[in-house]
Amino acid sequence: MLFAVICTDKPDGMPIRLANRPAHLDWLKAAGARIKLAGPFLTQDGQAMTGSLLVIEADSEPAVRELAAQDPYAVAGLFTRVEFKPWRWVIGAPSEG
């Protein structure tokens, strides 16, 4: 099953994000095929990151929560809020290609 993980940064989180970005990118790579897509939310002008969206494949929400808790951004306390929502990939799914 797929889950959307929607993370909202603290208002003053940019220094935390930048300091932990290399470790975060390494974590994403290490998770392999479990993470189907990932990227930051941006300010209206596109100049700053304000959160993250990940789509993670897992057997259950507890498994997604466990994986997401290992994200260096989460460990560093970057997020004020994290939402976990079951998600279905309909348009643009890799199986369409």
PDB file of N, CA and C in Angstrom:
ATOM      1  N   MET A   1       0.849  -1.179   0.000  1.00  0.00           N
ATOM      2  CA  MET A   1       0.000   0.000   0.000  1.00  0.00           C
ATOM      3  C   MET A   1       0.892   1.240   0.000  1.00  0.00           C
ATOM      4  N   LEU A   2       0.393   2.292  -0.639  1.00  0.00           N
ATOM      5  CA  LEU A   2       1.125   3.562  -0.662  1.00  0.00           C
ATOM      6  C   LEU A   2       0.566   4.512   0.385  1.00  0.00           C
ATOM      7  N   PHE A   3       1.453   5.330   0.943  1.00  0.00           N
ATOM      8  CA  PHE A   3       1.085   6.348   1.914  1.00  0.00           C
ATOM      9  C   PHE A   3       1.749   7.657   1.537  1.00  0.00           C
ATOM     10  N   ALA A   4       0.972   8.733   1.566  1.00  0.00           N
ATOM     11  CA  ALA A   4       1.534  10.071   1.427  1.00  0.00           C
ATOM     12  C   ALA A   4       1.941  10.534   2.819  1.00  0.00           C
ATOM     13  N   VAL A   5       3.153  11.024   2.921  1.00  0.00           N
ATOM     14  CA  VAL A   5       3.662  11.576   4.175  1.00  0.00           C
ATOM     15  C   VAL A   5       3.873  13.064   3.915  1.00  0.00           C
ATOM     16  N   ILE A   6       3.097  13.895   4.604  1.00  0.00           N
ATOM     17  CA  ILE A   6       3.092  15.337   4.392  1.00  0.00           C
ATOM     18  C   ILE A   6       3.695  15.994   5.628  1.00  0.00           C
ATOM     19  N   CYS A   7       4.858  16.605   5.451  1.00  0.00           N
ATOM     20  CA  CYS A   7       5.614  17.175   6.569  1.00  0.00           C
ATOM     21  C   CYS A   7       5.646  18.691   6.441  1.00  0.00           C
ATOM     22  N   THR A   8       5.399  19.374   7.538  1.00  0.00           N
ATOM     23  CA  THR A   8       5.435  20.826   7.573  1.00  0.00           C
ATOM     24  C   THR A   8       6.602  21.268   8.456  1.00  0.00           C
ATOM     25  N   ASP A   9       7.473  22.104   7.890  1.00  0.00           N
ATOM     26  CA  ASP A   9       8.639  22.593   8.635  1.00  0.00           C
ATOM     27  C   ASP A   9       8.244  23.601   9.708  1.00  0.00           C
ATOM     28  N   LYS A  10       9.076  23.696  10.726  1.00  0.00           N
ATOM     29  CA  LYS A  10       8.965  24.778  11.690  1.00  0.00           C
ATOM     30  C   LYS A  10       9.165  26.093  10.941  1.00  0.00           C
ATOM     31  N   PRO A  11       8.566  27.200  11.409  1.00  0.00           N
ATOM     32  CA  PRO A  11       8.742  28.481  10.717  1.00  0.00           C
ATOM     33  C   PRO A  11      10.210  28.890  10.574  1.00  0.00           C
ATOM     34  N   ASP A  12      11.035  28.533  11.540  1.00  0.00           N
ATOM     35  CA  ASP A  12      12.462  28.895  11.495  1.00  0.00           C
ATOM     36  C   ASP A  12      13.326  27.685  11.144  1.00  0.00           C
ATOM     37  N   GLY A  13      12.769  26.762  10.370  1.00  0.00           N
ATOM     38  CA  GLY A  13      13.437  25.483  10.136  1.00  0.00           C
ATOM     39  C   GLY A  13      14.497  25.435   9.061  1.00  0.00           C
ATOM     40  N   MET A  14      14.665  26.494   8.257  1.00  0.00           N
ATOM     41  CA  MET A  14      15.614  26.416   7.147  1.00  0.00           C
ATOM     42  C   MET A  14      17.031  26.041   7.586  1.00  0.00           C
ATOM     43  N   PRO A  15      17.583  26.590   8.667  1.00  0.00           N
ATOM     44  CA  PRO A  15      18.920  26.161   9.083  1.00  0.00           C
ATOM     45  C   PRO A  15      18.979  24.663   9.427  1.00  0.00           C
ATOM     46  N   ILE A  16      17.931  24.139  10.059  1.00  0.00           N
ATOM     47  CA  ILE A  16      17.875  22.709  10.382  1.00  0.00           C
ATOM     48  C   ILE A  16      17.830  21.896   9.095  1.00  0.00           C
ATOM     49  N   ARG A  17      17.011  22.325   8.149  1.00  0.00           N
ATOM     50  CA  ARG A  17      16.879  21.632   6.868  1.00  0.00           C
ATOM     51  C   ARG A  17      18.226  21.602   6.140  1.00  0.00           C
ATOM     52  N   LEU A  18      18.870  22.744   6.034  1.00  0.00           N
ATOM     53  CA  LEU A  18      20.134  22.812   5.295  1.00  0.00           C
ATOM     54  C   LEU A  18      21.237  21.996   5.972  1.00  0.00           C
ATOM     55  N   ALA A  19      21.294  22.024   7.289  1.00  0.00           N
ATOM     56  CA  ALA A  19      22.323  21.277   8.020  1.00  0.00           C
ATOM     57  C   ALA A  19      22.148  19.772   7.876  1.00  0.00           C
ATOM     58  N   ASN A  20      20.920  19.322   7.689  1.00  0.00           N
ATOM     59  CA  ASN A  20      20.639  17.884   7.638  1.00  0.00           C
ATOM     60  C   ASN A  20      20.335  17.366   6.234  1.00  0.00           C
ATOM     61  N   ARG A  21      20.388  18.227   5.241  1.00  0.00           N
ATOM     62  CA  ARG A  21      20.033  17.834   3.880  1.00  0.00           C
ATOM     63  C   ARG A  21      20.898  16.696   3.333  1.00  0.00           C
ATOM     64  N   PRO A  22      22.224  16.724   3.463  1.00  0.00           N
ATOM     65  CA  PRO A  22      23.010  15.597   2.944  1.00  0.00           C
ATOM     66  C   PRO A  22      22.617  14.259   3.579  1.00  0.00           C
ATOM     67  N   ALA A  23      22.411  14.242   4.888  1.00  0.00           N
ATOM     68  CA  ALA A  23      22.008  13.007   5.566  1.00  0.00           C
ATOM     69  C   ALA A  23      20.611  12.584   5.123  1.00  0.00           C
ATOM     70  N   HIS A  24      19.726  13.546   4.923  1.00  0.00           N
ATOM     71  CA  HIS A  24      18.373  13.254   4.453  1.00  0.00           C
ATOM     72  C   HIS A  24      18.417  12.608   3.065  1.00  0.00           C
ATOM     73  N   LEU A  25      19.209  13.171   2.163  1.00  0.00           N
ATOM     74  CA  LEU A  25      19.323  12.603   0.814  1.00  0.00           C
ATOM     75  C   LEU A  25      19.915  11.198   0.854  1.00  0.00           C
ATOM     76  N   ASP A  26      20.890  10.977   1.716  1.00  0.00           N
ATOM     77  CA  ASP A  26      21.454   9.624   1.883  1.00  0.00           C
ATOM     78  C   ASP A  26      20.396   8.658   2.401  1.00  0.00           C
ATOM     79  N   TRP A  27      19.576   9.121   3.344  1.00  0.00           N
ATOM     80  CA  TRP A  27      18.498   8.283   3.895  1.00  0.00           C
ATOM     81  C   TRP A  27      17.499   7.910   2.810  1.00  0.00           C
ATOM     82  N   LEU A  28      17.130   8.894   1.972  1.00  0.00           N
ATOM     83  CA  LEU A  28      16.204   8.616   0.874  1.00  0.00           C
ATOM     84  C   LEU A  28      16.769   7.536  -0.049  1.00  0.00           C
ATOM     85  N   LYS A  29      18.035   7.669  -0.411  1.00  0.00           N
ATOM     86  CA  LYS A  29      18.673   6.684  -1.299  1.00  0.00           C
ATOM     87  C   LYS A  29      18.725   5.312  -0.646  1.00  0.00           C
ATOM     88  N   ALA A  30      19.037   5.263   0.634  1.00  0.00           N
ATOM     89  CA  ALA A  30      19.154   3.992   1.353  1.00  0.00           C
ATOM     90  C   ALA A  30      17.806   3.284   1.474  1.00  0.00           C
ATOM     91  N   ALA A  31      16.722   4.041   1.476  1.00  0.00           N
ATOM     92  CA  ALA A  31      15.391   3.432   1.580  1.00  0.00           C
ATOM     93  C   ALA A  31      15.006   2.697   0.299  1.00  0.00           C
ATOM     94  N   GLY A  32      15.705   2.985  -0.772  1.00  0.00           N
ATOM     95  CA  GLY A  32      15.485   2.266  -2.028  1.00  0.00           C
ATOM     96  C   GLY A  32      14.094   2.431  -2.586  1.00  0.00           C
ATOM     97  N   ALA A  33      13.545   1.334  -3.087  1.00  0.00           N
ATOM     98  CA  ALA A  33      12.263   1.354  -3.797  1.00  0.00           C
ATOM     99  C   ALA A  33      11.072   1.615  -2.886  1.00  0.00           C
ATOM    100  N   ARG A  34      11.261   1.606  -1.576  1.00  0.00           N
ATOM    101  CA  ARG A  34      10.130   1.875  -0.675  1.00  0.00           C
ATOM    102  C   ARG A  34       9.638   3.314  -0.831  1.00  0.00           C
ATOM    103  N   ILE A  35      10.555   4.232  -1.137  1.00  0.00           N
ATOM    104  CA  ILE A  35      10.155   5.620  -1.343  1.00  0.00           C
ATOM    105  C   ILE A  35       9.941   5.822  -2.840  1.00  0.00           C
ATOM    106  N   LYS A  36       8.685   6.035  -3.213  1.00  0.00           N
ATOM    107  CA  LYS A  36       8.302   6.136  -4.616  1.00  0.00           C
ATOM    108  C   LYS A  36       8.551   7.520  -5.191  1.00  0.00           C
ATOM    109  N   LEU A  37       8.382   8.546  -4.367  1.00  0.00           N
ATOM    110  CA  LEU A  37       8.696   9.912  -4.784  1.00  0.00           C
ATOM    111  C   LEU A  37       8.870  10.758  -3.539  1.00  0.00           C
ATOM    112  N   ALA A  38       9.627  11.820  -3.703  1.00  0.00           N
ATOM    113  CA  ALA A  38       9.887  12.714  -2.572  1.00  0.00           C
ATOM    114  C   ALA A  38      10.328  14.071  -3.103  1.00  0.00           C
ATOM    115  N   GLY A  39       9.991  15.106  -2.360  1.00  0.00           N
ATOM    116  CA  GLY A  39      10.432  16.444  -2.716  1.00  0.00           C
ATOM    117  C   GLY A  39       9.913  17.457  -1.730  1.00  0.00           C
ATOM    118  N   PRO A  40      10.510  18.658  -1.759  1.00  0.00           N
ATOM    119  CA  PRO A  40      10.114  19.692  -0.808  1.00  0.00           C
ATOM    120  C   PRO A  40       8.935  20.525  -1.297  1.00  0.00           C
ATOM    121  N   PHE A  41       8.172  21.043  -0.339  1.00  0.00           N
ATOM    122  CA  PHE A  41       7.227  22.112  -0.609  1.00  0.00           C
ATOM    123  C   PHE A  41       8.024  23.405  -0.605  1.00  0.00           C
ATOM    124  N   LEU A  42       7.567  24.381  -1.386  1.00  0.00           N
ATOM    125  CA  LEU A  42       8.305  25.633  -1.534  1.00  0.00           C
ATOM    126  C   LEU A  42       7.436  26.833  -1.163  1.00  0.00           C
ATOM    127  N   THR A  43       8.102  27.939  -0.864  1.00  0.00           N
ATOM    128  CA  THR A  43       7.399  29.210  -0.701  1.00  0.00           C
ATOM    129  C   THR A  43       6.837  29.625  -2.058  1.00  0.00           C
ATOM    130  N   GLN A  44       5.929  30.589  -2.076  1.00  0.00           N
ATOM    131  CA  GLN A  44       5.303  31.034  -3.329  1.00  0.00           C
ATOM    132  C   GLN A  44       6.319  31.483  -4.371  1.00  0.00           C
ATOM    133  N   ASP A  45       7.426  32.072  -3.934  1.00  0.00           N
ATOM    134  CA  ASP A  45       8.438  32.532  -4.895  1.00  0.00           C
ATOM    135  C   ASP A  45       9.433  31.429  -5.268  1.00  0.00           C
ATOM    136  N   GLY A  46       9.275  30.244  -4.674  1.00  0.00           N
ATOM    137  CA  GLY A  46      10.148  29.118  -4.997  1.00  0.00           C
ATOM    138  C   GLY A  46      11.547  29.221  -4.423  1.00  0.00           C
ATOM    139  N   GLN A  47      11.787  30.158  -3.534  1.00  0.00           N
ATOM    140  CA  GLN A  47      13.134  30.406  -3.029  1.00  0.00           C
ATOM    141  C   GLN A  47      13.488  29.645  -1.754  1.00  0.00           C
ATOM    142  N   ALA A  48      12.493  29.154  -1.036  1.00  0.00           N
ATOM    143  CA  ALA A  48      12.779  28.466   0.226  1.00  0.00           C
ATOM    144  C   ALA A  48      11.909  27.214   0.338  1.00  0.00           C
ATOM    145  N   MET A  49      12.419  26.228   1.042  1.00  0.00           N
ATOM    146  CA  MET A  49      11.688  24.984   1.290  1.00  0.00           C
ATOM    147  C   MET A  49      10.917  25.115   2.597  1.00  0.00           C
ATOM    148  N   THR A  50       9.681  24.597   2.596  1.00  0.00           N
ATOM    149  CA  THR A  50       8.809  24.759   3.766  1.00  0.00           C
ATOM    150  C   THR A  50       8.260  23.453   4.315  1.00  0.00           C
ATOM    151  N   GLY A  51       8.605  22.357   3.690  1.00  0.00           N
ATOM    152  CA  GLY A  51       8.106  21.057   4.120  1.00  0.00           C
ATOM    153  C   GLY A  51       8.502  19.997   3.120  1.00  0.00           C
ATOM    154  N   SER A  52       7.957  18.820   3.286  1.00  0.00           N
ATOM    155  CA  SER A  52       8.293  17.694   2.411  1.00  0.00           C
ATOM    156  C   SER A  52       7.069  16.857   2.109  1.00  0.00           C
ATOM    157  N   LEU A  53       7.080  16.258   0.924  1.00  0.00           N
ATOM    158  CA  LEU A  53       6.086  15.269   0.543  1.00  0.00           C
ATOM    159  C   LEU A  53       6.835  14.005   0.140  1.00  0.00           C
ATOM    160  N   LEU A  54       6.458  12.895   0.748  1.00  0.00           N
ATOM    161  CA  LEU A  54       7.020  11.604   0.372  1.00  0.00           C
ATOM    162  C   LEU A  54       5.864  10.655   0.099  1.00  0.00           C
ATOM    163  N   VAL A  55       6.038   9.788  -0.858  1.00  0.00           N
ATOM    164  CA  VAL A  55       5.104   8.687  -1.060  1.00  0.00           C
ATOM    165  C   VAL A  55       5.893   7.418  -0.794  1.00  0.00           C
ATOM    166  N   ILE A  56       5.436   6.682   0.212  1.00  0.00           N
ATOM    167  CA  ILE A  56       6.172   5.513   0.703  1.00  0.00           C
ATOM    168  C   ILE A  56       5.291   4.278   0.559  1.00  0.00           C
ATOM    169  N   GLU A  57       5.888   3.193   0.083  1.00  0.00           N
ATOM    170  CA  GLU A  57       5.186   1.916   0.001  1.00  0.00           C
ATOM    171  C   GLU A  57       5.531   1.090   1.236  1.00  0.00           C
ATOM    172  N   ALA A  58       4.481   0.597   1.893  1.00  0.00           N
ATOM    173  CA  ALA A  58       4.674  -0.215   3.097  1.00  0.00           C
ATOM    174  C   ALA A  58       3.434  -1.065   3.325  1.00  0.00           C
ATOM    175  N   ASP A  59       3.572  -2.057   4.179  1.00  0.00           N
ATOM    176  CA  ASP A  59       2.460  -2.953   4.488  1.00  0.00           C
ATOM    177  C   ASP A  59       1.415  -2.308   5.402  1.00  0.00           C
ATOM    178  N   SER A  60       1.836  -1.291   6.167  1.00  0.00           N
ATOM    179  CA  SER A  60       0.924  -0.703   7.150  1.00  0.00           C
ATOM    180  C   SER A  60       1.367   0.705   7.502  1.00  0.00           C
ATOM    181  N   GLU A  61       0.450   1.471   8.079  1.00  0.00           N
ATOM    182  CA  GLU A  61       0.806   2.812   8.533  1.00  0.00           C
ATOM    183  C   GLU A  61       1.875   2.779   9.626  1.00  0.00           C
ATOM    184  N   PRO A  62       1.815   1.853  10.589  1.00  0.00           N
ATOM    185  CA  PRO A  62       2.904   1.808  11.574  1.00  0.00           C
ATOM    186  C   PRO A  62       4.280   1.610  10.923  1.00  0.00           C
ATOM    187  N   ALA A  63       4.354   0.831   9.861  1.00  0.00           N
ATOM    188  CA  ALA A  63       5.637   0.633   9.177  1.00  0.00           C
ATOM    189  C   ALA A  63       6.104   1.927   8.520  1.00  0.00           C
ATOM    190  N   VAL A  64       5.170   2.704   7.960  1.00  0.00           N
ATOM    191  CA  VAL A  64       5.520   3.994   7.361  1.00  0.00           C
ATOM    192  C   VAL A  64       5.983   4.956   8.443  1.00  0.00           C
ATOM    193  N   ARG A  65       5.273   4.985   9.553  1.00  0.00           N
ATOM    194  CA  ARG A  65       5.654   5.872  10.662  1.00  0.00           C
ATOM    195  C   ARG A  65       7.058   5.529  11.170  1.00  0.00           C
ATOM    196  N   GLU A  66       7.351   4.246  11.259  1.00  0.00           N
ATOM    197  CA  GLU A  66       8.677   3.825  11.724  1.00  0.00           C
ATOM    198  C   GLU A  66       9.766   4.293  10.764  1.00  0.00           C
ATOM    199  N   LEU A  67       9.547   4.115   9.466  1.00  0.00           N
ATOM    200  CA  LEU A  67      10.531   4.561   8.483  1.00  0.00           C
ATOM    201  C   LEU A  67      10.675   6.082   8.508  1.00  0.00           C
ATOM    202  N   ALA A  68       9.560   6.800   8.521  1.00  0.00           N
ATOM    203  CA  ALA A  68       9.605   8.263   8.516  1.00  0.00           C
ATOM    204  C   ALA A  68      10.304   8.816   9.754  1.00  0.00           C
ATOM    205  N   ALA A  69      10.183   8.148  10.873  1.00  0.00           N
ATOM    206  CA  ALA A  69      10.835   8.600  12.104  1.00  0.00           C
ATOM    207  C   ALA A  69      12.348   8.534  12.010  1.00  0.00           C
ATOM    208  N   GLN A  70      12.864   7.760  11.066  1.00  0.00           N
ATOM    209  CA  GLN A  70      14.308   7.627  10.882  1.00  0.00           C
ATOM    210  C   GLN A  70      14.886   8.705   9.960  1.00  0.00           C
ATOM    211  N   ASP A  71      14.023   9.466   9.297  1.00  0.00           N
ATOM    212  CA  ASP A  71      14.472  10.552   8.420  1.00  0.00           C
ATOM    213  C   ASP A  71      15.295  11.535   9.252  1.00  0.00           C
ATOM    214  N   PRO A  72      16.501  11.866   8.818  1.00  0.00           N
ATOM    215  CA  PRO A  72      17.312  12.831   9.574  1.00  0.00           C
ATOM    216  C   PRO A  72      16.602  14.157   9.831  1.00  0.00           C
ATOM    217  N   TYR A  73      15.725  14.578   8.940  1.00  0.00           N
ATOM    218  CA  TYR A  73      14.954  15.794   9.200  1.00  0.00           C
ATOM    219  C   TYR A  73      14.064  15.604  10.429  1.00  0.00           C
ATOM    220  N   ALA A  74      13.409  14.462  10.532  1.00  0.00           N
ATOM    221  CA  ALA A  74      12.546  14.185  11.678  1.00  0.00           C
ATOM    222  C   ALA A  74      13.373  14.074  12.951  1.00  0.00           C
ATOM    223  N   VAL A  75      14.500  13.384  12.873  1.00  0.00           N
ATOM    224  CA  VAL A  75      15.376  13.213  14.037  1.00  0.00           C
ATOM    225  C   VAL A  75      15.871  14.566  14.544  1.00  0.00           C
ATOM    226  N   ALA A  76      16.135  15.484  13.614  1.00  0.00           N
ATOM    227  CA  ALA A  76      16.642  16.812  13.980  1.00  0.00           C
ATOM    228  C   ALA A  76      15.545  17.753  14.470  1.00  0.00           C
ATOM    229  N   GLY A  77      14.285  17.323  14.409  1.00  0.00           N
ATOM    230  CA  GLY A  77      13.194  18.156  14.895  1.00  0.00           C
ATOM    231  C   GLY A  77      12.753  19.237  13.928  1.00  0.00           C
ATOM    232  N   LEU A  78      12.906  19.007  12.617  1.00  0.00           N
ATOM    233  CA  LEU A  78      12.549  20.011  11.619  1.00  0.00           C
ATOM    234  C   LEU A  78      11.048  20.255  11.520  1.00  0.00           C
ATOM    235  N   PHE A  79      10.247  19.231  11.725  1.00  0.00           N
ATOM    236  CA  PHE A  79       8.830  19.324  11.410  1.00  0.00           C
ATOM    237  C   PHE A  79       7.968  19.725  12.604  1.00  0.00           C
ATOM    238  N   THR A  80       6.975  20.571  12.330  1.00  0.00           N
ATOM    239  CA  THR A  80       5.960  20.889  13.342  1.00  0.00           C
ATOM    240  C   THR A  80       4.793  19.926  13.240  1.00  0.00           C
ATOM    241  N   ARG A  81       4.613  19.347  12.042  1.00  0.00           N
ATOM    242  CA  ARG A  81       3.481  18.453  11.811  1.00  0.00           C
ATOM    243  C   ARG A  81       3.852  17.438  10.743  1.00  0.00           C
ATOM    244  N   VAL A  82       3.415  16.195  10.948  1.00  0.00           N
ATOM    245  CA  VAL A  82       3.587  15.146   9.945  1.00  0.00           C
ATOM    246  C   VAL A  82       2.254  14.402   9.834  1.00  0.00           C
ATOM    247  N   GLU A  83       1.733  14.329   8.613  1.00  0.00           N
ATOM    248  CA  GLU A  83       0.483  13.609   8.348  1.00  0.00           C
ATOM    249  C   GLU A  83       0.789  12.360   7.536  1.00  0.00           C
ATOM    250  N   PHE A  84       0.065  11.300   7.814  1.00  0.00           N
ATOM    251  CA  PHE A  84       0.198  10.030   7.096  1.00  0.00           C
ATOM    252  C   PHE A  84      -1.165   9.692   6.513  1.00  0.00           C
ATOM    253  N   LYS A  85      -1.215   9.552   5.177  1.00  0.00           N
ATOM    254  CA  LYS A  85      -2.499   9.292   4.526  1.00  0.00           C
ATOM    255  C   LYS A  85      -2.340   8.169   3.513  1.00  0.00           C
ATOM    256  N   PRO A  86      -3.192   7.146   3.566  1.00  0.00           N
ATOM    257  CA  PRO A  86      -3.176   6.138   2.508  1.00  0.00           C
ATOM    258  C   PRO A  86      -3.423   6.845   1.170  1.00  0.00           C
ATOM    259  N   TRP A  87      -2.745   6.378   0.129  1.00  0.00           N
ATOM    260  CA  TRP A  87      -2.764   7.090  -1.150  1.00  0.00           C
ATOM    261  C   TRP A  87      -2.771   6.102  -2.302  1.00  0.00           C
ATOM    262  N   ARG A  88      -3.507   6.433  -3.351  1.00  0.00           N
ATOM    263  CA  ARG A  88      -3.536   5.604  -4.555  1.00  0.00           C
ATOM    264  C   ARG A  88      -2.977   6.409  -5.718  1.00  0.00           C
ATOM    265  N   TRP A  89      -1.999   5.843  -6.403  1.00  0.00           N
ATOM    266  CA  TRP A  89      -1.363   6.485  -7.561  1.00  0.00           C
ATOM    267  C   TRP A  89      -2.178   6.135  -8.797  1.00  0.00           C
ATOM    268  N   VAL A  90      -2.867   7.117  -9.375  1.00  0.00           N
ATOM    269  CA  VAL A  90      -3.743   6.850 -10.498  1.00  0.00           C
ATOM    270  C   VAL A  90      -3.139   7.363 -11.809  1.00  0.00           C
ATOM    271  N   ILE A  91      -2.836   8.634 -11.892  1.00  0.00           N
ATOM    272  CA  ILE A  91      -2.308   9.242 -13.119  1.00  0.00           C
ATOM    273  C   ILE A  91      -0.785   9.310 -13.050  1.00  0.00           C
ATOM    274  N   GLY A  92      -0.131   8.828 -14.093  1.00  0.00           N
ATOM    275  CA  GLY A  92       1.336   8.899 -14.147  1.00  0.00           C
ATOM    276  C   GLY A  92       2.036   7.810 -13.360  1.00  0.00           C
ATOM    277  N   ALA A  93       1.306   6.810 -12.926  1.00  0.00           N
ATOM    278  CA  ALA A  93       1.931   5.716 -12.162  1.00  0.00           C
ATOM    279  C   ALA A  93       2.931   4.970 -13.046  1.00  0.00           C
ATOM    280  N   PRO A  94       4.036   4.483 -12.476  1.00  0.00           N
ATOM    281  CA  PRO A  94       5.053   3.797 -13.264  1.00  0.00           C
ATOM    282  C   PRO A  94       4.505   2.624 -14.078  1.00  0.00           C
ATOM    283  N   SER A  95       3.459   1.960 -13.611  1.00  0.00           N
ATOM    284  CA  SER A  95       2.910   0.818 -14.338  1.00  0.00           C
ATOM    285  C   SER A  95       2.252   1.228 -15.660  1.00  0.00           C
ATOM    286  N   GLU A  96       2.014   2.546 -15.839  1.00  0.00           N
ATOM    287  CA  GLU A  96       1.426   3.033 -17.076  1.00  0.00           C
ATOM    288  C   GLU A  96       2.441   3.069 -18.219  1.00  0.00           C
ATOM    289  N   GLY A  97       3.734   3.095 -17.871  1.00  0.00           N
ATOM    290  CA  GLY A  97       4.781   3.317 -18.869  1.00  0.00           C
ATOM    291  C   GLY A  97       5.188   2.154 -19.669  1.00  0.00           C
TER     292      GLY A  97
END
